[in-house]
Amino acid sequence: MKIAFYGSSLLSAYWNGAATYYRGLLRALAAKGYDITFYEPDVYDRQANRDIDPPDWCKVVVYEGTVDALKAVTAEAATADVVVKTSGVGFEDALLLQEVLRHARSDALKIFWDVDAPATLAEMRADAGHPLRAALARLDLVLTYGGGDPVVNAYRGMGARDCIPIYNGLDPQTHHPVAKDNRFTAELGFLGNRLPDREARVEQFFLEPAARLPQQTFLLGGSGWHDKPMSPNVTYLGHVPTRDHNAFNVTPKAVLNISRVSMAENGLSPATRVFEAAGAGACLITDYWEGIELFLEPGEEVLVARDGRDVVEALASLSAERAAAIGRKALARVLAEHTYDTRAETVDAIFSRHAASRRELAE
């Protein structure tokens, strides 16, 4: 089957946390024989900050950030058996959805793939005329990268025919154990861009514990934190390219995952960072969110903190030996149960089931 996939960016993770998710899933689907073209706009300096070359398993079409260019690439949806429009593409999202649906064949499987369901659902609740809400009846399926029953039920309640979560996972070709790198030596590292929905939790779970542990060293990576007040024991690195993520994860004694507020409240929304860290064999400390035990076992494969005090206590009692043991167990778990190959099995079954249903209706 041929897939036309309209997303933010496959080539650049710059201000684009979904890149790891897209790469892992689409590579695994390509291995199953899917012919995939990824369409991404040239916006937000992403093309100037590419961290991978165009892959051999997926054709990538980069189009200018203009309406004419958008209309030209959406016309190519007519050639695909599966047409995907994701959330947060970043340029004329409403028009992109409209044009994709206008050009998609009547027999094509039409999907909205939501990589930020809490934010999308909040927008639709606030606006009865939201373009996506109006388009749900024309879509065959909504897929999301996180969320359990609350997300599924909300989408169905707004008119989606079906909604199925396809969780983040591990791409072992990209995230795996490497040698430690002295650039990233610290007791605790955190990697994440500065976002309004995350900033207060970064203060609570990372910056405040750093201030309370002045003898320990902390490492902050990600864009946007340059003017954020922080204690002298925090080293700020700025944007950390994907090629350095493995070393960033394995070198500190532990690394921290901090969910955005909406993701934490929704639950069942493991960030890509969870699997990146586990895949590198890192000792991960994560803020609490409902459903963590479905992915990693608290206390054995991951340490869970409900507030900054828990982070301080975890670091105070964490030996290098225990940190290494947690990392080994986490790596074994994600390799066994949470790779993108596993996720692709689910997606392939969904695509095949819908294709069979369409054939039955046509007969």
Foldseek 3Di string as FASTA:
>chain_A
DEEEAEAQDCFFCAVNQCNLVCVQQQLLLLVVPYAAEYEAECDPCRVVHGQDDDDPSYHYHYFYLDPVRLLVSLLCLCVGQEYEQEPPNPHPSLVSVVSNLVNHDPNHQYEYEYAPQLVVLVVCVVPVVPSVLVCQQSHQEYEYQFFDDVSFVSSVVSPHPGYYYLHAADDLVQAAADDADVVQEWQEEEEDADDPQFVVQCCKAPQVLCVVCVVTAYEYEYADCPPPDGDPRYDYDYHDRSNCLLNNLARHLAYEATDGNSDQARFRHDRNNLNSNLRNLFAYEYEDHPPPCVQANDPQQYDYDPTNVSNNVCSVPDDSVSRNRNSVRSNVRRVVAGGSNNSNVVVVVVSVVSSVVSVVVVD
